[in-house]
Every structure is written in structure tokens, then in C-alpha cells.
Amino acid sequence: MSRRTDHTDTTSLENFLRPIAEQFGCDLEAAEITPAGRRRLLRVLVDRDGGISLDDVADVTRAISKALDADDMMGDGAYTLEVSSPGVDRPLTLPRHWRRNISRLVAVTLTAGGKLTGRIKSASEQAAELDVDGTMQTVAYADVAKAKVQIEFNRAAGNDEPAADGTVEEN
């Protein structure tokens, strides 16, 4: 009996790929297969504290490709493997996403209906501390409906303060 099954469902695919990403100290953020003409596109997102370099992405890509070929997970059909890190437009949905964006400006929509924009000062497993117009505010993740990092232009690297002209692009 062949061990090969249809692993195109997200859960099985992520369960297969997660330990491979973890070998490189990375978290598997997402994995999905989408049709792309006669082929399929396997898109894998990985990240880790401190960020991920292009060399890291190349190492993870080689390991995933080798594991997929050895396991015949993708079957006989042609596919393209794409491994990358999440972009800044990725929603903050897990405590690690908040932690990795400390000092960044975020826009938060609360489940109760309110909205706020502030700079992440700290993040725990249950909540983040935001500086909202000079006032510290604790936001529990359970109270967040949506949160996204805001792209800031003219902000010096390593500077916790926005540019003098306050130029900010909101998503």
C-alpha cells in the first residue's frame, strides 16, 4: 500500500512542512497550494525572531524541496515551490507577530468596535503594550479584531519616533 495520500489540504501540508522549517529555527507562518495553469503553486511563508535573510530562505527552500521529492507529497503533477517571509501587510494574529514588530506603528480594530493606532512597546503571550499618542495602553489579543503594521516613510532606522514631518502611509 502506498503511503502517498492527497496532502493538498492546508492542515496536512502544514504538519508536513512545520518540522522542516523548525530545523532552521523558523516558524511556518502559512502554506497553501493554488492552481497556476497546468501546474500548482506551493507558497510557503516562514519567519523567525530577528527576521529571515535571503540565505535562510534559500536553505529552507532546498530542505523543503528535498523533503517533498523524497516523500512524493506533491504526487506526479508539476508544481512550483515559492518560499518567502511574510510581508509587512500580514495581519498580526499571534503573539509572536506582535513581538517581532516591537517599535513598529500598528493600526488596531477592536472587537468592541473601536480603533486605535499606536507603537508597540512590548508584547507578551496575552497582550501588547502600545504607546497611543504618549499614553500607554494595554491591548489584549482577545480584544483585537484586526491589527496591521503601518508603513512609515522617513523614519530613521532604530528610531522609535516618527519622522519630523510625520509622514505615515496607512494600509
C-alpha atoms as a PDB file:
ATOM      1  CA  MET A   1       0.000   0.000   0.000  1.00  0.00           C
ATOM      2  CA  SER A   2       1.374   3.409  -0.938  1.00  0.00           C
ATOM      3  CA  ARG A   3       1.946   5.936   1.812  1.00  0.00           C
ATOM      4  CA  ARG A   4       1.084   8.754  -0.589  1.00  0.00           C
ATOM      5  CA  THR A   5      -2.201  10.491   0.068  1.00  0.00           C
ATOM      6  CA  ASP A   6      -3.707  13.739  -1.129  1.00  0.00           C
ATOM      7  CA  HIS A   7      -1.879  16.295   1.005  1.00  0.00           C
ATOM      8  CA  THR A   8      -3.293  19.328  -0.708  1.00  0.00           C
ATOM      9  CA  ASP A   9      -5.310  20.230   2.368  1.00  0.00           C
ATOM     10  CA  THR A  10      -3.677  23.005   4.363  1.00  0.00           C
ATOM     11  CA  THR A  11      -3.532  21.162   7.693  1.00  0.00           C
ATOM     12  CA  SER A  12      -1.696  18.089   6.340  1.00  0.00           C
ATOM     13  CA  LEU A  13       0.650  20.257   4.320  1.00  0.00           C
ATOM     14  CA  GLU A  14       1.488  22.477   7.293  1.00  0.00           C
ATOM     15  CA  ASN A  15       2.013  19.437   9.535  1.00  0.00           C
ATOM     16  CA  PHE A  16       4.496  18.057   6.992  1.00  0.00           C
ATOM     17  CA  LEU A  17       6.349  21.357   6.477  1.00  0.00           C
ATOM     18  CA  ARG A  18       6.457  22.677  10.078  1.00  0.00           C
ATOM     19  CA  PRO A  19       9.272  20.398  11.334  1.00  0.00           C
ATOM     20  CA  ILE A  20      11.362  21.236   8.265  1.00  0.00           C
ATOM     21  CA  ALA A  21      11.069  24.981   8.933  1.00  0.00           C
ATOM     22  CA  GLU A  22      11.805  24.402  12.630  1.00  0.00           C
ATOM     23  CA  GLN A  23      15.133  22.731  11.731  1.00  0.00           C
ATOM     24  CA  PHE A  24      16.265  26.203  10.647  1.00  0.00           C
ATOM     25  CA  GLY A  25      14.866  27.987  13.708  1.00  0.00           C
ATOM     26  CA  CYS A  26      11.895  29.257  11.708  1.00  0.00           C
ATOM     27  CA  ASP A  27       8.166  29.288  12.295  1.00  0.00           C
ATOM     28  CA  LEU A  28       5.924  28.109   9.492  1.00  0.00           C
ATOM     29  CA  GLU A  29       3.535  31.047   9.077  1.00  0.00           C
ATOM     30  CA  ALA A  30       1.454  29.664   6.198  1.00  0.00           C
ATOM     31  CA  ALA A  31       1.411  27.098   3.396  1.00  0.00           C
ATOM     32  CA  GLU A  32      -1.048  26.919   0.547  1.00  0.00           C
ATOM     33  CA  ILE A  33      -1.427  25.277  -2.828  1.00  0.00           C
ATOM     34  CA  THR A  34      -3.170  27.158  -5.606  1.00  0.00           C
ATOM     35  CA  PRO A  35      -3.717  26.238  -9.253  1.00  0.00           C
ATOM     36  CA  ALA A  36      -1.424  28.024 -11.713  1.00  0.00           C
ATOM     37  CA  GLY A  37      -2.376  26.896 -15.198  1.00  0.00           C
ATOM     38  CA  ARG A  38      -1.321  23.277 -15.670  1.00  0.00           C
ATOM     39  CA  ARG A  39       0.859  23.485 -12.599  1.00  0.00           C
ATOM     40  CA  ARG A  40       0.240  24.134  -8.943  1.00  0.00           C
ATOM     41  CA  LEU A  41       1.891  26.837  -6.863  1.00  0.00           C
ATOM     42  CA  LEU A  42       3.009  25.813  -3.384  1.00  0.00           C
ATOM     43  CA  ARG A  43       3.539  29.043  -1.444  1.00  0.00           C
ATOM     44  CA  VAL A  44       5.274  28.703   1.936  1.00  0.00           C
ATOM     45  CA  LEU A  45       5.816  31.585   4.385  1.00  0.00           C
ATOM     46  CA  VAL A  46       8.461  31.285   7.112  1.00  0.00           C
ATOM     47  CA  ASP A  47       9.748  33.765   9.684  1.00  0.00           C
ATOM     48  CA  ARG A  48      11.658  33.916  12.948  1.00  0.00           C
ATOM     49  CA  ASP A  49      12.631  36.363  15.658  1.00  0.00           C
ATOM     50  CA  GLY A  50      15.213  38.773  14.312  1.00  0.00           C
ATOM     51  CA  GLY A  51      13.980  38.299  10.749  1.00  0.00           C
ATOM     52  CA  ILE A  52      14.999  35.944   7.988  1.00  0.00           C
ATOM     53  CA  SER A  53      17.642  36.556   5.326  1.00  0.00           C
ATOM     54  CA  LEU A  54      17.658  35.513   1.676  1.00  0.00           C
ATOM     55  CA  ASP A  55      20.283  32.876   2.516  1.00  0.00           C
ATOM     56  CA  ASP A  56      17.955  31.496   5.206  1.00  0.00           C
ATOM     57  CA  VAL A  57      15.088  31.369   2.695  1.00  0.00           C
ATOM     58  CA  ALA A  58      17.338  29.526   0.208  1.00  0.00           C
ATOM     59  CA  ASP A  59      18.321  26.958   2.868  1.00  0.00           C
ATOM     60  CA  VAL A  60      14.690  26.352   3.864  1.00  0.00           C
ATOM     61  CA  THR A  61      13.661  26.117   0.194  1.00  0.00           C
ATOM     62  CA  ARG A  62      16.273  23.436  -0.545  1.00  0.00           C
ATOM     63  CA  ALA A  63      15.241  21.412   2.515  1.00  0.00           C
ATOM     64  CA  ILE A  64      11.527  21.630   1.688  1.00  0.00           C
ATOM     65  CA  SER A  65      12.140  20.703  -1.949  1.00  0.00           C
ATOM     66  CA  LYS A  66      14.250  17.697  -0.949  1.00  0.00           C
ATOM     67  CA  ALA A  67      11.646  16.520   1.591  1.00  0.00           C
ATOM     68  CA  LEU A  68       8.775  16.926  -0.886  1.00  0.00           C
ATOM     69  CA  ASP A  69      10.655  14.953  -3.547  1.00  0.00           C
ATOM     70  CA  ALA A  70      11.605  12.177  -1.102  1.00  0.00           C
ATOM     71  CA  ASP A  71       8.074  11.821   0.245  1.00  0.00           C
ATOM     72  CA  ASP A  72       6.335  12.261  -3.107  1.00  0.00           C
ATOM     73  CA  MET A  73       3.935  14.523  -1.220  1.00  0.00           C
ATOM     74  CA  MET A  74       3.076  16.554  -4.297  1.00  0.00           C
ATOM     75  CA  GLY A  75       2.430  13.492  -6.459  1.00  0.00           C
ATOM     76  CA  ASP A  76       3.220  13.348 -10.161  1.00  0.00           C
ATOM     77  CA  GLY A  77       1.775  16.726 -11.144  1.00  0.00           C
ATOM     78  CA  ALA A  78       4.071  19.658 -11.829  1.00  0.00           C
ATOM     79  CA  TYR A  79       4.327  22.352  -9.183  1.00  0.00           C
ATOM     80  CA  THR A  80       6.318  25.451  -8.382  1.00  0.00           C
ATOM     81  CA  LEU A  81       7.695  25.941  -4.874  1.00  0.00           C
ATOM     82  CA  GLU A  82       7.848  29.503  -3.570  1.00  0.00           C
ATOM     83  CA  VAL A  83       9.292  30.154  -0.105  1.00  0.00           C
ATOM     84  CA  SER A  84       9.368  33.658   1.361  1.00  0.00           C
ATOM     85  CA  SER A  85       8.831  35.643   4.534  1.00  0.00           C
ATOM     86  CA  PRO A  86       5.559  37.400   5.354  1.00  0.00           C
ATOM     87  CA  GLY A  87       5.340  40.981   4.147  1.00  0.00           C
ATOM     88  CA  VAL A  88       4.597  43.961   6.359  1.00  0.00           C
ATOM     89  CA  ASP A  89       0.977  43.805   5.247  1.00  0.00           C
ATOM     90  CA  ARG A  90       0.485  40.480   7.035  1.00  0.00           C
ATOM     91  CA  PRO A  91      -2.057  40.831   9.866  1.00  0.00           C
ATOM     92  CA  LEU A  92      -0.825  40.430  13.441  1.00  0.00           C
ATOM     93  CA  THR A  93      -2.710  37.326  14.562  1.00  0.00           C
ATOM     94  CA  LEU A  94      -0.359  35.589  17.012  1.00  0.00           C
ATOM     95  CA  PRO A  95       1.689  36.822  19.996  1.00  0.00           C
ATOM     96  CA  ARG A  96       4.924  36.173  18.072  1.00  0.00           C
ATOM     97  CA  HIS A  97       3.752  38.530  15.302  1.00  0.00           C
ATOM     98  CA  TRP A  98       3.357  41.319  17.855  1.00  0.00           C
ATOM     99  CA  ARG A  99       6.728  40.512  19.476  1.00  0.00           C
ATOM    100  CA  ARG A 100       8.506  40.630  16.104  1.00  0.00           C
ATOM    101  CA  ASN A 101       7.088  44.085  15.445  1.00  0.00           C
ATOM    102  CA  ILE A 102       8.046  45.839  18.685  1.00  0.00           C
ATOM    103  CA  SER A 103       8.703  49.546  17.983  1.00  0.00           C
ATOM    104  CA  ARG A 104       6.513  49.480  14.865  1.00  0.00           C
ATOM    105  CA  LEU A 105       3.356  51.538  14.418  1.00  0.00           C
ATOM    106  CA  VAL A 106       0.176  49.442  14.237  1.00  0.00           C
ATOM    107  CA  ALA A 107      -3.467  50.132  13.471  1.00  0.00           C
ATOM    108  CA  VAL A 108      -5.807  48.063  15.625  1.00  0.00           C
ATOM    109  CA  THR A 109      -9.522  47.441  15.222  1.00  0.00           C
ATOM    110  CA  LEU A 110     -11.061  46.199  18.461  1.00  0.00           C
ATOM    111  CA  THR A 111     -13.801  43.584  18.685  1.00  0.00           C
ATOM    112  CA  ALA A 112     -15.884  46.124  20.625  1.00  0.00           C
ATOM    113  CA  GLY A 113     -15.768  48.386  17.563  1.00  0.00           C
ATOM    114  CA  GLY A 114     -13.160  50.978  18.466  1.00  0.00           C
ATOM    115  CA  LYS A 115      -9.961  51.715  16.565  1.00  0.00           C
ATOM    116  CA  LEU A 116      -6.577  52.892  17.736  1.00  0.00           C
ATOM    117  CA  THR A 117      -3.139  53.458  16.287  1.00  0.00           C
ATOM    118  CA  GLY A 118      -0.026  53.168  18.422  1.00  0.00           C
ATOM    119  CA  ARG A 119       3.546  51.997  18.612  1.00  0.00           C
ATOM    120  CA  ILE A 120       4.178  48.521  20.082  1.00  0.00           C
ATOM    121  CA  LYS A 121       6.355  48.923  23.185  1.00  0.00           C
ATOM    122  CA  SER A 122       6.155  45.334  24.479  1.00  0.00           C
ATOM    123  CA  ALA A 123       4.305  42.101  23.800  1.00  0.00           C
ATOM    124  CA  SER A 124       3.503  39.131  25.996  1.00  0.00           C
ATOM    125  CA  GLU A 125       1.580  35.935  25.272  1.00  0.00           C
ATOM    126  CA  GLN A 126      -1.753  37.623  26.182  1.00  0.00           C
ATOM    127  CA  ALA A 127      -1.429  41.320  25.332  1.00  0.00           C
ATOM    128  CA  ALA A 128       0.630  44.106  23.820  1.00  0.00           C
ATOM    129  CA  GLU A 129       1.522  47.447  25.361  1.00  0.00           C
ATOM    130  CA  LEU A 130       1.002  50.299  22.890  1.00  0.00           C
ATOM    131  CA  ASP A 131       2.051  53.933  23.052  1.00  0.00           C
ATOM    132  CA  VAL A 132      -1.026  55.739  21.757  1.00  0.00           C
ATOM    133  CA  ASP A 133      -0.296  59.462  21.489  1.00  0.00           C
ATOM    134  CA  GLY A 134       2.004  59.362  24.526  1.00  0.00           C
ATOM    135  CA  THR A 135      -0.350  57.241  26.651  1.00  0.00           C
ATOM    136  CA  MET A 136       0.467  53.603  27.346  1.00  0.00           C
ATOM    137  CA  GLN A 137      -2.454  51.294  26.613  1.00  0.00           C
ATOM    138  CA  THR A 138      -2.620  47.535  27.120  1.00  0.00           C
ATOM    139  CA  VAL A 139      -4.460  45.705  24.349  1.00  0.00           C
ATOM    140  CA  ALA A 140      -5.416  42.081  24.982  1.00  0.00           C
ATOM    141  CA  TYR A 141      -5.154  39.956  21.836  1.00  0.00           C
ATOM    142  CA  ALA A 142      -8.597  38.531  22.609  1.00  0.00           C
ATOM    143  CA  ASP A 143      -9.981  42.076  22.148  1.00  0.00           C
ATOM    144  CA  VAL A 144      -8.371  42.552  18.708  1.00  0.00           C
ATOM    145  CA  ALA A 145     -10.482  42.014  15.598  1.00  0.00           C
ATOM    146  CA  LYS A 146      -7.727  43.153  13.218  1.00  0.00           C
ATOM    147  CA  ALA A 147      -4.207  44.564  13.545  1.00  0.00           C
ATOM    148  CA  LYS A 148      -1.735  45.598  10.862  1.00  0.00           C
ATOM    149  CA  VAL A 149       1.674  47.220  10.854  1.00  0.00           C
ATOM    150  CA  GLN A 150       1.626  50.685   9.331  1.00  0.00           C
ATOM    151  CA  ILE A 151       4.255  51.557   6.775  1.00  0.00           C
ATOM    152  CA  GLU A 152       6.217  54.635   7.789  1.00  0.00           C
ATOM    153  CA  PHE A 153       8.302  56.705   5.425  1.00  0.00           C
ATOM    154  CA  ASN A 154      11.159  58.970   6.543  1.00  0.00           C
ATOM    155  CA  ARG A 155      11.639  57.155   9.846  1.00  0.00           C
ATOM    156  CA  ALA A 156      15.273  56.650  10.762  1.00  0.00           C
ATOM    157  CA  ALA A 157      16.261  53.027  11.384  1.00  0.00           C
ATOM    158  CA  GLY A 158      16.190  52.148  15.077  1.00  0.00           C
ATOM    159  CA  ASN A 159      14.274  55.332  15.905  1.00  0.00           C
ATOM    160  CA  ASP A 160      11.115  54.871  17.956  1.00  0.00           C
ATOM    161  CA  GLU A 161       9.813  58.265  16.908  1.00  0.00           C
ATOM    162  CA  PRO A 162       8.167  59.061  13.562  1.00  0.00           C
ATOM    163  CA  ALA A 163       9.795  61.458  11.129  1.00  0.00           C
ATOM    164  CA  ALA A 164       9.567  65.168  11.893  1.00  0.00           C
ATOM    165  CA  ASP A 165       7.008  65.618   9.142  1.00  0.00           C
ATOM    166  CA  GLY A 166       5.024  62.633  10.489  1.00  0.00           C
ATOM    167  CA  THR A 167       4.653  61.049   7.070  1.00  0.00           C
ATOM    168  CA  VAL A 168       2.814  57.781   7.500  1.00  0.00           C
ATOM    169  CA  GLU A 169       1.082  55.553   4.970  1.00  0.00           C
ATOM    170  CA  GLU A 170      -1.755  53.525   6.432  1.00  0.00           C
ATOM    171  CA  ASN A 171      -2.895  50.245   4.911  1.00  0.00           C
END
